[in-house]
Amino acid sequence: MKQPIRFALAAAAAGLAWGYLRHRRDERAPLFAAVQALEWFVAYGGAAALLERVREGLEGGQVEVERVTHTRQTIVDHSD
């Protein structure tokens, strides 16, 4: 298992504990804890790491593909 996934799983475990402690008096505490764990997992890069692992599996490690992870658009208004 790669290091980023380990850290993201640790963050998810911490988020689960934190979410449960924070909402322990609510009957929906397990649900809130699961959402908190998912938020922390994604925030720590777990989703990106999992997607990378899936992509590597699909590509078989032989094909190198350039991926666009974000775009930036700049709009310039030229007033005359």
C-alpha atoms as a PDB file:
ATOM      1  CA  MET A   1       0.000   0.000   0.000  1.00  0.00           C
ATOM      2  CA  LYS A   2       1.401   3.369  -0.923  1.00  0.00           C
ATOM      3  CA  GLN A   3       2.228   5.985   1.684  1.00  0.00           C
ATOM      4  CA  PRO A   4      -0.434   8.589   0.676  1.00  0.00           C
ATOM      5  CA  ILE A   5      -3.176   6.002   1.044  1.00  0.00           C
ATOM      6  CA  ARG A   6      -1.898   5.020   4.490  1.00  0.00           C
ATOM      7  CA  PHE A   7      -1.963   8.614   5.679  1.00  0.00           C
ATOM      8  CA  ALA A   8      -5.406   9.164   4.188  1.00  0.00           C
ATOM      9  CA  LEU A   9      -6.706   6.035   5.931  1.00  0.00           C
ATOM     10  CA  ALA A  10      -5.218   7.262   9.203  1.00  0.00           C
ATOM     11  CA  ALA A  11      -6.946  10.613   8.657  1.00  0.00           C
ATOM     12  CA  ALA A  12     -10.204   8.770   7.972  1.00  0.00           C
ATOM     13  CA  ALA A  13      -9.846   6.818  11.211  1.00  0.00           C
ATOM     14  CA  ALA A  14      -9.193  10.031  13.116  1.00  0.00           C
ATOM     15  CA  GLY A  15     -12.162  11.664  11.389  1.00  0.00           C
ATOM     16  CA  LEU A  16     -14.371   8.732  12.343  1.00  0.00           C
ATOM     17  CA  ALA A  17     -13.367   9.035  15.986  1.00  0.00           C
ATOM     18  CA  TRP A  18     -13.713  12.818  15.975  1.00  0.00           C
ATOM     19  CA  GLY A  19     -17.082  12.708  14.239  1.00  0.00           C
ATOM     20  CA  TYR A  20     -18.422  10.138  16.673  1.00  0.00           C
ATOM     21  CA  LEU A  21     -17.173  12.026  19.733  1.00  0.00           C
ATOM     22  CA  ARG A  22     -18.552  15.294  18.430  1.00  0.00           C
ATOM     23  CA  HIS A  23     -22.037  13.854  17.793  1.00  0.00           C
ATOM     24  CA  ARG A  24     -22.130  11.085  20.412  1.00  0.00           C
ATOM     25  CA  ARG A  25     -25.425  12.294  21.911  1.00  0.00           C
ATOM     26  CA  ASP A  26     -27.178  12.316  18.541  1.00  0.00           C
ATOM     27  CA  GLU A  27     -28.886   9.138  17.352  1.00  0.00           C
ATOM     28  CA  ARG A  28     -27.245   9.675  13.949  1.00  0.00           C
ATOM     29  CA  ALA A  29     -23.733   9.742  15.419  1.00  0.00           C
ATOM     30  CA  PRO A  30     -22.482   6.814  13.295  1.00  0.00           C
ATOM     31  CA  LEU A  31     -23.681   8.530  10.133  1.00  0.00           C
ATOM     32  CA  PHE A  32     -22.079  11.850  11.080  1.00  0.00           C
ATOM     33  CA  ALA A  33     -18.870  10.009  12.005  1.00  0.00           C
ATOM     34  CA  ALA A  34     -18.798   8.258   8.623  1.00  0.00           C
ATOM     35  CA  VAL A  35     -19.287  11.552   6.792  1.00  0.00           C
ATOM     36  CA  GLN A  36     -16.504  13.145   8.848  1.00  0.00           C
ATOM     37  CA  ALA A  37     -14.203  10.206   8.056  1.00  0.00           C
ATOM     38  CA  LEU A  38     -14.971  10.534   4.349  1.00  0.00           C
ATOM     39  CA  GLU A  39     -14.323  14.291   4.435  1.00  0.00           C
ATOM     40  CA  TRP A  40     -10.949  13.837   6.101  1.00  0.00           C
ATOM     41  CA  PHE A  41     -10.033  10.956   3.781  1.00  0.00           C
ATOM     42  CA  VAL A  42     -10.762  13.072   0.705  1.00  0.00           C
ATOM     43  CA  ALA A  43      -9.114  16.178   2.181  1.00  0.00           C
ATOM     44  CA  TYR A  44      -5.922  14.245   2.864  1.00  0.00           C
ATOM     45  CA  GLY A  45      -5.739  13.071  -0.749  1.00  0.00           C
ATOM     46  CA  GLY A  46      -7.136   9.584  -0.297  1.00  0.00           C
ATOM     47  CA  ALA A  47      -9.544   9.829  -3.216  1.00  0.00           C
ATOM     48  CA  ALA A  48      -6.793  10.999  -5.552  1.00  0.00           C
ATOM     49  CA  ALA A  49      -4.486   8.235  -4.341  1.00  0.00           C
ATOM     50  CA  LEU A  50      -7.169   5.586  -4.883  1.00  0.00           C
ATOM     51  CA  LEU A  51      -7.928   6.900  -8.349  1.00  0.00           C
ATOM     52  CA  GLU A  52      -4.227   6.803  -9.178  1.00  0.00           C
ATOM     53  CA  ARG A  53      -4.052   3.164  -8.058  1.00  0.00           C
ATOM     54  CA  VAL A  54      -7.087   2.298 -10.199  1.00  0.00           C
ATOM     55  CA  ARG A  55      -5.599   4.096 -13.196  1.00  0.00           C
ATOM     56  CA  GLU A  56      -2.293   2.251 -12.752  1.00  0.00           C
ATOM     57  CA  GLY A  57      -4.187  -1.029 -12.640  1.00  0.00           C
ATOM     58  CA  LEU A  58      -6.100  -0.232 -15.792  1.00  0.00           C
ATOM     59  CA  GLU A  59      -3.031   0.958 -17.669  1.00  0.00           C
ATOM     60  CA  GLY A  60      -0.967  -2.009 -16.571  1.00  0.00           C
ATOM     61  CA  GLY A  61       1.919   0.316 -15.781  1.00  0.00           C
ATOM     62  CA  GLN A  62       2.921   0.386 -19.452  1.00  0.00           C
ATOM     63  CA  VAL A  63       1.098   3.379 -20.885  1.00  0.00           C
ATOM     64  CA  GLU A  64       1.988   6.879 -19.813  1.00  0.00           C
ATOM     65  CA  VAL A  65      -0.970   9.242 -20.036  1.00  0.00           C
ATOM     66  CA  GLU A  66      -0.916  12.973 -19.464  1.00  0.00           C
ATOM     67  CA  ARG A  67      -3.828  14.034 -17.262  1.00  0.00           C
ATOM     68  CA  VAL A  68      -5.239  17.489 -16.746  1.00  0.00           C
ATOM     69  CA  THR A  69      -5.979  17.941 -13.058  1.00  0.00           C
ATOM     70  CA  HIS A  70      -7.161  21.531 -13.196  1.00  0.00           C
ATOM     71  CA  THR A  71      -7.637  24.333 -15.646  1.00  0.00           C
ATOM     72  CA  ARG A  72      -7.437  28.063 -15.344  1.00  0.00           C
ATOM     73  CA  GLN A  73      -9.343  30.536 -17.467  1.00  0.00           C
ATOM     74  CA  THR A  74      -8.311  34.163 -17.713  1.00  0.00           C
ATOM     75  CA  ILE A  75     -10.695  36.700 -19.157  1.00  0.00           C
ATOM     76  CA  VAL A  76      -9.302  40.030 -20.213  1.00  0.00           C
ATOM     77  CA  ASP A  77     -11.608  42.885 -21.094  1.00  0.00           C
ATOM     78  CA  HIS A  78     -10.058  45.378 -23.502  1.00  0.00           C
ATOM     79  CA  SER A  79     -12.050  48.588 -23.222  1.00  0.00           C
ATOM     80  CA  ASP A  80     -11.414  51.099 -25.973  1.00  0.00           C
END
